[in-house]
Amino acid sequence: MALFKRRTVGKPGEWFYCLKHGTVEEGPECRAADRFGPYATREEAAHAMDTARERNLEWETDPKWHDMGKGGEGSKDSKDSKDRKGAPGDGDGA
């Protein structure tokens, strides 16, 4: 017995963009890993790649993604390690 049933027929008005075929489809015709959606309209689904491109650009240029870099200046980890330097009991011999 399967835990999840595969839904083969979409609800009326559900539109998807198939990444594998590069086409708009009503209802899930291709597997979930190969599609974006659901979208409310065929037009929205047709512009799925543009929407994804715009969102990726927004995320790549979002300062919140870059100001807390891995141990770089201004990161919380970097500040914490500076604050702990020389503190009693941290193994510096003091």
PDB file of N, CA and C in Angstrom:
ATOM      1  N   MET A   1       0.844  -1.178   0.000  1.00  0.00           N
ATOM      2  CA  MET A   1       0.000   0.000   0.000  1.00  0.00           C
ATOM      3  C   MET A   1       0.891   1.244   0.000  1.00  0.00           C
ATOM      4  N   ALA A   2       0.671   2.129  -0.919  1.00  0.00           N
ATOM      5  CA  ALA A   2       1.469   3.343  -1.041  1.00  0.00           C
ATOM      6  C   ALA A   2       1.042   4.364   0.015  1.00  0.00           C
ATOM      7  N   LEU A   3       2.034   5.067   0.552  1.00  0.00           N
ATOM      8  CA  LEU A   3       1.732   6.103   1.532  1.00  0.00           C
ATOM      9  C   LEU A   3       1.125   7.334   0.869  1.00  0.00           C
ATOM     10  N   PHE A   4       1.589   7.623  -0.324  1.00  0.00           N
ATOM     11  CA  PHE A   4       1.101   8.806  -1.029  1.00  0.00           C
ATOM     12  C   PHE A   4       0.535   8.371  -2.369  1.00  0.00           C
ATOM     13  N   LYS A   5      -0.641   8.846  -2.671  1.00  0.00           N
ATOM     14  CA  LYS A   5      -1.238   8.533  -3.968  1.00  0.00           C
ATOM     15  C   LYS A   5      -0.791   9.588  -4.970  1.00  0.00           C
ATOM     16  N   ARG A   6      -0.410   9.154  -6.123  1.00  0.00           N
ATOM     17  CA  ARG A   6      -0.009  10.083  -7.174  1.00  0.00           C
ATOM     18  C   ARG A   6      -1.259  10.639  -7.826  1.00  0.00           C
ATOM     19  N   ARG A   7      -1.353  11.940  -7.796  1.00  0.00           N
ATOM     20  CA  ARG A   7      -2.490  12.604  -8.396  1.00  0.00           C
ATOM     21  C   ARG A   7      -2.198  12.759  -9.883  1.00  0.00           C
ATOM     22  N   THR A   8      -2.968  12.105 -10.692  1.00  0.00           N
ATOM     23  CA  THR A   8      -2.707  12.128 -12.129  1.00  0.00           C
ATOM     24  C   THR A   8      -3.524  13.180 -12.862  1.00  0.00           C
ATOM     25  N   VAL A   9      -4.595  13.628 -12.267  1.00  0.00           N
ATOM     26  CA  VAL A   9      -5.448  14.618 -12.921  1.00  0.00           C
ATOM     27  C   VAL A   9      -5.447  15.870 -12.062  1.00  0.00           C
ATOM     28  N   GLY A  10      -5.174  17.010 -12.687  1.00  0.00           N
ATOM     29  CA  GLY A  10      -5.159  18.267 -11.956  1.00  0.00           C
ATOM     30  C   GLY A  10      -6.549  18.809 -11.731  1.00  0.00           C
ATOM     31  N   LYS A  11      -6.615  19.755 -10.855  1.00  0.00           N
ATOM     32  CA  LYS A  11      -7.880  20.443 -10.629  1.00  0.00           C
ATOM     33  C   LYS A  11      -8.105  21.403 -11.794  1.00  0.00           C
ATOM     34  N   PRO A  12      -9.331  21.646 -12.133  1.00  0.00           N
ATOM     35  CA  PRO A  12      -9.604  22.612 -13.204  1.00  0.00           C
ATOM     36  C   PRO A  12      -8.986  23.971 -12.850  1.00  0.00           C
ATOM     37  N   GLY A  13      -8.296  24.543 -13.805  1.00  0.00           N
ATOM     38  CA  GLY A  13      -7.690  25.849 -13.586  1.00  0.00           C
ATOM     39  C   GLY A  13      -6.282  25.816 -13.037  1.00  0.00           C
ATOM     40  N   GLU A  14      -5.715  24.639 -12.788  1.00  0.00           N
ATOM     41  CA  GLU A  14      -4.329  24.546 -12.340  1.00  0.00           C
ATOM     42  C   GLU A  14      -3.422  24.443 -13.563  1.00  0.00           C
ATOM     43  N   TRP A  15      -2.442  25.322 -13.629  1.00  0.00           N
ATOM     44  CA  TRP A  15      -1.519  25.335 -14.749  1.00  0.00           C
ATOM     45  C   TRP A  15      -0.102  25.141 -14.241  1.00  0.00           C
ATOM     46  N   PHE A  16       0.692  24.427 -15.014  1.00  0.00           N
ATOM     47  CA  PHE A  16       2.065  24.128 -14.650  1.00  0.00           C
ATOM     48  C   PHE A  16       2.996  24.440 -15.821  1.00  0.00           C
ATOM     49  N   TYR A  17       4.266  24.675 -15.503  1.00  0.00           N
ATOM     50  CA  TYR A  17       5.269  24.826 -16.545  1.00  0.00           C
ATOM     51  C   TYR A  17       6.205  23.628 -16.430  1.00  0.00           C
ATOM     52  N   CYS A  18       6.297  22.825 -17.483  1.00  0.00           N
ATOM     53  CA  CYS A  18       7.146  21.641 -17.487  1.00  0.00           C
ATOM     54  C   CYS A  18       8.559  22.037 -17.888  1.00  0.00           C
ATOM     55  N   LEU A  19       9.493  21.833 -16.978  1.00  0.00           N
ATOM     56  CA  LEU A  19      10.897  22.168 -17.233  1.00  0.00           C
ATOM     57  C   LEU A  19      11.524  21.225 -18.252  1.00  0.00           C
ATOM     58  N   LYS A  20      11.092  19.991 -18.240  1.00  0.00           N
ATOM     59  CA  LYS A  20      11.657  18.985 -19.138  1.00  0.00           C
ATOM     60  C   LYS A  20      11.282  19.256 -20.598  1.00  0.00           C
ATOM     61  N   HIS A  21      10.034  19.586 -20.821  1.00  0.00           N
ATOM     62  CA  HIS A  21       9.542  19.788 -22.177  1.00  0.00           C
ATOM     63  C   HIS A  21       9.470  21.260 -22.588  1.00  0.00           C
ATOM     64  N   GLY A  22       9.568  22.180 -21.604  1.00  0.00           N
ATOM     65  CA  GLY A  22       9.469  23.599 -21.900  1.00  0.00           C
ATOM     66  C   GLY A  22       8.088  24.023 -22.347  1.00  0.00           C
ATOM     67  N   THR A  23       7.075  23.364 -21.808  1.00  0.00           N
ATOM     68  CA  THR A  23       5.701  23.650 -22.223  1.00  0.00           C
ATOM     69  C   THR A  23       4.803  23.936 -21.027  1.00  0.00           C
ATOM     70  N   VAL A  24       3.691  24.581 -21.305  1.00  0.00           N
ATOM     71  CA  VAL A  24       2.667  24.826 -20.296  1.00  0.00           C
ATOM     72  C   VAL A  24       1.668  23.682 -20.376  1.00  0.00           C
ATOM     73  N   GLU A  25       1.263  23.176 -19.230  1.00  0.00           N
ATOM     74  CA  GLU A  25       0.299  22.067 -19.212  1.00  0.00           C
ATOM     75  C   GLU A  25      -0.769  22.338 -18.168  1.00  0.00           C
ATOM     76  N   GLU A  26      -1.973  21.921 -18.462  1.00  0.00           N
ATOM     77  CA  GLU A  26      -3.061  22.038 -17.489  1.00  0.00           C
ATOM     78  C   GLU A  26      -3.112  20.748 -16.698  1.00  0.00           C
ATOM     79  N   GLY A  27      -3.002  20.896 -15.399  1.00  0.00           N
ATOM     80  CA  GLY A  27      -2.940  19.705 -14.555  1.00  0.00           C
ATOM     81  C   GLY A  27      -1.540  19.118 -14.598  1.00  0.00           C
ATOM     82  N   PRO A  28      -1.190  18.343 -13.584  1.00  0.00           N
ATOM     83  CA  PRO A  28       0.153  17.776 -13.542  1.00  0.00           C
ATOM     84  C   PRO A  28       0.309  16.599 -14.513  1.00  0.00           C
ATOM     85  N   GLU A  29       0.880  16.856 -15.672  1.00  0.00           N
ATOM     86  CA  GLU A  29       1.125  15.785 -16.628  1.00  0.00           C
ATOM     87  C   GLU A  29       2.503  15.155 -16.408  1.00  0.00           C
ATOM     88  N   CYS A  30       3.476  15.973 -16.057  1.00  0.00           N
ATOM     89  CA  CYS A  30       4.835  15.477 -15.811  1.00  0.00           C
ATOM     90  C   CYS A  30       5.092  15.392 -14.312  1.00  0.00           C
ATOM     91  N   ARG A  31       6.159  14.710 -13.938  1.00  0.00           N
ATOM     92  CA  ARG A  31       6.451  14.513 -12.516  1.00  0.00           C
ATOM     93  C   ARG A  31       6.774  15.846 -11.843  1.00  0.00           C
ATOM     94  N   ALA A  32       6.554  15.918 -10.538  1.00  0.00           N
ATOM     95  CA  ALA A  32       6.686  17.157  -9.779  1.00  0.00           C
ATOM     96  C   ALA A  32       8.083  17.758  -9.868  1.00  0.00           C
ATOM     97  N   ALA A  33       9.112  16.928  -9.902  1.00  0.00           N
ATOM     98  CA  ALA A  33      10.483  17.432  -9.972  1.00  0.00           C
ATOM     99  C   ALA A  33      10.768  18.156 -11.282  1.00  0.00           C
ATOM    100  N   ASP A  34       9.946  17.941 -12.289  1.00  0.00           N
ATOM    101  CA  ASP A  34      10.161  18.529 -13.606  1.00  0.00           C
ATOM    102  C   ASP A  34       9.220  19.686 -13.919  1.00  0.00           C
ATOM    103  N   ARG A  35       8.579  20.246 -12.904  1.00  0.00           N
ATOM    104  CA  ARG A  35       7.621  21.309 -13.223  1.00  0.00           C
ATOM    105  C   ARG A  35       7.594  22.385 -12.147  1.00  0.00           C
ATOM    106  N   PHE A  36       7.162  23.574 -12.556  1.00  0.00           N
ATOM    107  CA  PHE A  36       6.865  24.683 -11.660  1.00  0.00           C
ATOM    108  C   PHE A  36       5.352  24.805 -11.607  1.00  0.00           C
ATOM    109  N   GLY A  37       4.829  25.191 -10.459  1.00  0.00           N
ATOM    110  CA  GLY A  37       3.397  25.425 -10.375  1.00  0.00           C
ATOM    111  C   GLY A  37       2.807  24.814  -9.131  1.00  0.00           C
ATOM    112  N   PRO A  38       1.531  24.915  -8.949  1.00  0.00           N
ATOM    113  CA  PRO A  38       0.520  25.358  -9.902  1.00  0.00           C
ATOM    114  C   PRO A  38       0.410  26.877  -9.972  1.00  0.00           C
ATOM    115  N   TYR A  39      -0.024  27.334 -11.121  1.00  0.00           N
ATOM    116  CA  TYR A  39      -0.298  28.738 -11.378  1.00  0.00           C
ATOM    117  C   TYR A  39      -1.797  28.879 -11.626  1.00  0.00           C
ATOM    118  N   ALA A  40      -2.312  30.070 -11.360  1.00  0.00           N
ATOM    119  CA  ALA A  40      -3.752  30.311 -11.508  1.00  0.00           C
ATOM    120  C   ALA A  40      -4.168  30.431 -12.965  1.00  0.00           C
ATOM    121  N   THR A  41      -3.253  30.898 -13.817  1.00  0.00           N
ATOM    122  CA  THR A  41      -3.608  31.087 -15.220  1.00  0.00           C
ATOM    123  C   THR A  41      -2.543  30.495 -16.138  1.00  0.00           C
ATOM    124  N   ARG A  42      -2.930  30.247 -17.359  1.00  0.00           N
ATOM    125  CA  ARG A  42      -2.002  29.753 -18.370  1.00  0.00           C
ATOM    126  C   ARG A  42      -0.879  30.776 -18.611  1.00  0.00           C
ATOM    127  N   GLU A  43      -1.257  32.054 -18.596  1.00  0.00           N
ATOM    128  CA  GLU A  43      -0.306  33.149 -18.812  1.00  0.00           C
ATOM    129  C   GLU A  43       0.787  33.153 -17.739  1.00  0.00           C
ATOM    130  N   GLU A  44       0.398  32.996 -16.481  1.00  0.00           N
ATOM    131  CA  GLU A  44       1.385  32.947 -15.386  1.00  0.00           C
ATOM    132  C   GLU A  44       2.337  31.778 -15.577  1.00  0.00           C
ATOM    133  N   ALA A  45       1.791  30.626 -15.940  1.00  0.00           N
ATOM    134  CA  ALA A  45       2.624  29.439 -16.152  1.00  0.00           C
ATOM    135  C   ALA A  45       3.582  29.650 -17.319  1.00  0.00           C
ATOM    136  N   ALA A  46       3.127  30.348 -18.357  1.00  0.00           N
ATOM    137  CA  ALA A  46       3.975  30.598 -19.520  1.00  0.00           C
ATOM    138  C   ALA A  46       5.173  31.472 -19.162  1.00  0.00           C
ATOM    139  N   HIS A  47       5.040  32.299 -18.134  1.00  0.00           N
ATOM    140  CA  HIS A  47       6.123  33.189 -17.712  1.00  0.00           C
ATOM    141  C   HIS A  47       6.870  32.647 -16.492  1.00  0.00           C
ATOM    142  N   ALA A  48       6.750  31.364 -16.216  1.00  0.00           N
ATOM    143  CA  ALA A  48       7.366  30.770 -15.027  1.00  0.00           C
ATOM    144  C   ALA A  48       8.881  30.947 -15.008  1.00  0.00           C
ATOM    145  N   MET A  49       9.541  30.775 -16.140  1.00  0.00           N
ATOM    146  CA  MET A  49      10.997  30.908 -16.185  1.00  0.00           C
ATOM    147  C   MET A  49      11.422  32.355 -15.943  1.00  0.00           C
ATOM    148  N   ASP A  50      10.669  33.310 -16.463  1.00  0.00           N
ATOM    149  CA  ASP A  50      10.958  34.724 -16.214  1.00  0.00           C
ATOM    150  C   ASP A  50      10.802  35.046 -14.731  1.00  0.00           C
ATOM    151  N   THR A  51       9.722  34.538 -14.140  1.00  0.00           N
ATOM    152  CA  THR A  51       9.477  34.756 -12.716  1.00  0.00           C
ATOM    153  C   THR A  51      10.604  34.172 -11.882  1.00  0.00           C
ATOM    154  N   ALA A  52      11.033  32.958 -12.203  1.00  0.00           N
ATOM    155  CA  ALA A  52      12.125  32.318 -11.465  1.00  0.00           C
ATOM    156  C   ALA A  52      13.421  33.115 -11.625  1.00  0.00           C
ATOM    157  N   ARG A  53      13.701  33.581 -12.830  1.00  0.00           N
ATOM    158  CA  ARG A  53      14.905  34.372 -13.097  1.00  0.00           C
ATOM    159  C   ARG A  53      14.899  35.663 -12.275  1.00  0.00           C
ATOM    160  N   GLU A  54      13.752  36.342 -12.224  1.00  0.00           N
ATOM    161  CA  GLU A  54      13.625  37.581 -11.446  1.00  0.00           C
ATOM    162  C   GLU A  54      13.820  37.315  -9.953  1.00  0.00           C
ATOM    163  N   ARG A  55      13.217  36.248  -9.445  1.00  0.00           N
ATOM    164  CA  ARG A  55      13.358  35.924  -8.019  1.00  0.00           C
ATOM    165  C   ARG A  55      14.798  35.559  -7.687  1.00  0.00           C
ATOM    166  N   ASN A  56      15.453  34.804  -8.553  1.00  0.00           N
ATOM    167  CA  ASN A  56      16.850  34.453  -8.318  1.00  0.00           C
ATOM    168  C   ASN A  56      17.717  35.703  -8.245  1.00  0.00           C
ATOM    169  N   LEU A  57      17.490  36.649  -9.144  1.00  0.00           N
ATOM    170  CA  LEU A  57      18.241  37.893  -9.141  1.00  0.00           C
ATOM    171  C   LEU A  57      18.002  38.672  -7.854  1.00  0.00           C
ATOM    172  N   GLU A  58      16.750  38.724  -7.405  1.00  0.00           N
ATOM    173  CA  GLU A  58      16.437  39.401  -6.143  1.00  0.00           C
ATOM    174  C   GLU A  58      17.179  38.758  -4.982  1.00  0.00           C
ATOM    175  N   TRP A  59      17.188  37.438  -4.923  1.00  0.00           N
ATOM    176  CA  TRP A  59      17.862  36.736  -3.823  1.00  0.00           C
ATOM    177  C   TRP A  59      19.375  36.911  -3.903  1.00  0.00           C
ATOM    178  N   GLU A  60      19.936  36.876  -5.100  1.00  0.00           N
ATOM    179  CA  GLU A  60      21.380  37.020  -5.252  1.00  0.00           C
ATOM    180  C   GLU A  60      21.855  38.412  -4.874  1.00  0.00           C
ATOM    181  N   THR A  61      21.008  39.419  -5.035  1.00  0.00           N
ATOM    182  CA  THR A  61      21.400  40.783  -4.716  1.00  0.00           C
ATOM    183  C   THR A  61      20.852  41.254  -3.371  1.00  0.00           C
ATOM    184  N   ASP A  62      20.206  40.383  -2.635  1.00  0.00           N
ATOM    185  CA  ASP A  62      19.665  40.728  -1.324  1.00  0.00           C
ATOM    186  C   ASP A  62      20.814  40.828  -0.324  1.00  0.00           C
ATOM    187  N   PRO A  63      21.015  41.989   0.301  1.00  0.00           N
ATOM    188  CA  PRO A  63      22.134  42.144   1.232  1.00  0.00           C
ATOM    189  C   PRO A  63      22.059  41.215   2.439  1.00  0.00           C
ATOM    190  N   LYS A  64      20.868  40.776   2.816  1.00  0.00           N
ATOM    191  CA  LYS A  64      20.758  39.856   3.958  1.00  0.00           C
ATOM    192  C   LYS A  64      21.447  38.522   3.680  1.00  0.00           C
ATOM    193  N   TRP A  65      21.591  38.141   2.406  1.00  0.00           N
ATOM    194  CA  TRP A  65      22.247  36.879   2.057  1.00  0.00           C
ATOM    195  C   TRP A  65      23.762  37.014   2.127  1.00  0.00           C
ATOM    196  N   HIS A  66      24.277  38.246   2.066  1.00  0.00           N
ATOM    197  CA  HIS A  66      25.716  38.421   1.948  1.00  0.00           C
ATOM    198  C   HIS A  66      26.384  39.097   3.137  1.00  0.00           C
ATOM    199  N   ASP A  67      25.651  39.778   4.005  1.00  0.00           N
ATOM    200  CA  ASP A  67      26.302  40.524   5.074  1.00  0.00           C
ATOM    201  C   ASP A  67      26.736  39.647   6.238  1.00  0.00           C
ATOM    202  N   MET A  68      26.230  38.460   6.349  1.00  0.00           N
ATOM    203  CA  MET A  68      26.620  37.565   7.433  1.00  0.00           C
ATOM    204  C   MET A  68      27.388  36.376   6.867  1.00  0.00           C
ATOM    205  N   GLY A  69      28.340  36.663   6.012  1.00  0.00           N
ATOM    206  CA  GLY A  69      29.121  35.613   5.361  1.00  0.00           C
ATOM    207  C   GLY A  69      29.870  34.744   6.347  1.00  0.00           C
ATOM    208  N   LYS A  70      30.366  33.643   5.886  1.00  0.00           N
ATOM    209  CA  LYS A  70      31.009  32.621   6.714  1.00  0.00           C
ATOM    210  C   LYS A  70      32.272  33.167   7.394  1.00  0.00           C
ATOM    211  N   GLY A  71      32.102  33.725   8.591  1.00  0.00           N
ATOM    212  CA  GLY A  71      33.235  34.185   9.378  1.00  0.00           C
ATOM    213  C   GLY A  71      33.860  35.471   8.880  1.00  0.00           C
ATOM    214  N   GLY A  72      33.264  36.117   7.891  1.00  0.00           N
ATOM    215  CA  GLY A  72      33.812  37.349   7.353  1.00  0.00           C
ATOM    216  C   GLY A  72      33.559  38.522   8.279  1.00  0.00           C
ATOM    217  N   GLU A  73      34.110  39.678   7.947  1.00  0.00           N
ATOM    218  CA  GLU A  73      33.890  40.879   8.737  1.00  0.00           C
ATOM    219  C   GLU A  73      32.404  41.151   8.877  1.00  0.00           C
ATOM    220  N   GLY A  74      32.005  41.490  10.058  1.00  0.00           N
ATOM    221  CA  GLY A  74      30.611  41.823  10.287  1.00  0.00           C
ATOM    222  C   GLY A  74      29.746  40.620  10.602  1.00  0.00           C
ATOM    223  N   SER A  75      30.296  39.419  10.535  1.00  0.00           N
ATOM    224  CA  SER A  75      29.463  38.258  10.827  1.00  0.00           C
ATOM    225  C   SER A  75      29.404  38.019  12.324  1.00  0.00           C
ATOM    226  N   LYS A  76      28.350  37.415  12.775  1.00  0.00           N
ATOM    227  CA  LYS A  76      28.156  37.128  14.182  1.00  0.00           C
ATOM    228  C   LYS A  76      29.251  36.214  14.703  1.00  0.00           C
ATOM    229  N   ASP A  77      29.626  35.172  13.941  1.00  0.00           N
ATOM    230  CA  ASP A  77      30.650  34.225  14.368  1.00  0.00           C
ATOM    231  C   ASP A  77      31.988  34.920  14.559  1.00  0.00           C
ATOM    232  N   SER A  78      32.325  35.827  13.647  1.00  0.00           N
ATOM    233  CA  SER A  78      33.578  36.542  13.725  1.00  0.00           C
ATOM    234  C   SER A  78      33.611  37.403  14.983  1.00  0.00           C
ATOM    235  N   LYS A  79      32.522  38.108  15.293  1.00  0.00           N
ATOM    236  CA  LYS A  79      32.437  38.974  16.457  1.00  0.00           C
ATOM    237  C   LYS A  79      32.515  38.152  17.733  1.00  0.00           C
ATOM    238  N   ASP A  80      31.807  37.038  17.801  1.00  0.00           N
ATOM    239  CA  ASP A  80      31.830  36.195  18.988  1.00  0.00           C
ATOM    240  C   ASP A  80      33.226  35.679  19.267  1.00  0.00           C
ATOM    241  N   SER A  81      33.963  35.279  18.258  1.00  0.00           N
ATOM    242  CA  SER A  81      35.293  34.740  18.478  1.00  0.00           C
ATOM    243  C   SER A  81      36.230  35.830  18.975  1.00  0.00           C
ATOM    244  N   LYS A  82      36.051  37.102  18.521  1.00  0.00           N
ATOM    245  CA  LYS A  82      36.870  38.207  19.004  1.00  0.00           C
ATOM    246  C   LYS A  82      36.548  38.501  20.461  1.00  0.00           C
ATOM    247  N   ASP A  83      35.264  38.450  20.821  1.00  0.00           N
ATOM    248  CA  ASP A  83      34.857  38.744  22.191  1.00  0.00           C
ATOM    249  C   ASP A  83      35.382  37.709  23.169  1.00  0.00           C
ATOM    250  N   ARG A  84      35.512  36.474  22.754  1.00  0.00           N
ATOM    251  CA  ARG A  84      35.953  35.403  23.643  1.00  0.00           C
ATOM    252  C   ARG A  84      37.460  35.338  23.772  1.00  0.00           C
ATOM    253  N   LYS A  85      38.194  35.973  22.897  1.00  0.00           N
ATOM    254  CA  LYS A  85      39.642  35.909  22.893  1.00  0.00           C
ATOM    255  C   LYS A  85      40.189  36.397  24.218  1.00  0.00           C
ATOM    256  N   GLY A  86      40.992  35.573  24.874  1.00  0.00           N
ATOM    257  CA  GLY A  86      41.620  35.975  26.120  1.00  0.00           C
ATOM    258  C   GLY A  86      40.728  35.849  27.341  1.00  0.00           C
ATOM    259  N   ALA A  87      39.539  35.330  27.203  1.00  0.00           N
ATOM    260  CA  ALA A  87      38.646  35.173  28.347  1.00  0.00           C
ATOM    261  C   ALA A  87      39.159  34.059  29.239  1.00  0.00           C
ATOM    262  N   PRO A  88      39.023  34.207  30.578  1.00  0.00           N
ATOM    263  CA  PRO A  88      39.492  33.163  31.509  1.00  0.00           C
ATOM    264  C   PRO A  88      38.859  31.816  31.190  1.00  0.00           C
ATOM    265  N   GLY A  89      39.671  30.780  31.237  1.00  0.00           N
ATOM    266  CA  GLY A  89      39.167  29.436  31.034  1.00  0.00           C
ATOM    267  C   GLY A  89      39.063  29.028  29.578  1.00  0.00           C
ATOM    268  N   ASP A  90      39.594  29.837  28.655  1.00  0.00           N
ATOM    269  CA  ASP A  90      39.482  29.460  27.253  1.00  0.00           C
ATOM    270  C   ASP A  90      40.750  28.818  26.732  1.00  0.00           C
ATOM    271  N   GLY A  91      41.684  28.503  27.621  1.00  0.00           N
ATOM    272  CA  GLY A  91      42.880  27.771  27.210  1.00  0.00           C
ATOM    273  C   GLY A  91      44.040  28.651  26.787  1.00  0.00           C
ATOM    274  N   ASP A  92      43.984  29.952  27.121  1.00  0.00           N
ATOM    275  CA  ASP A  92      45.082  30.823  26.727  1.00  0.00           C
ATOM    276  C   ASP A  92      46.147  30.960  27.805  1.00  0.00           C
ATOM    277  N   GLY A  93      45.964  30.258  28.918  1.00  0.00           N
ATOM    278  CA  GLY A  93      46.944  30.268  29.990  1.00  0.00           C
ATOM    279  C   GLY A  93      46.724  31.362  31.002  1.00  0.00           C
ATOM    280  N   ALA A  94      45.701  32.150  30.869  1.00  0.00           N
ATOM    281  CA  ALA A  94      45.447  33.239  31.809  1.00  0.00           C
ATOM    282  C   ALA A  94      44.673  32.759  33.004  1.00  0.00           C
TER     283      ALA A  94
END
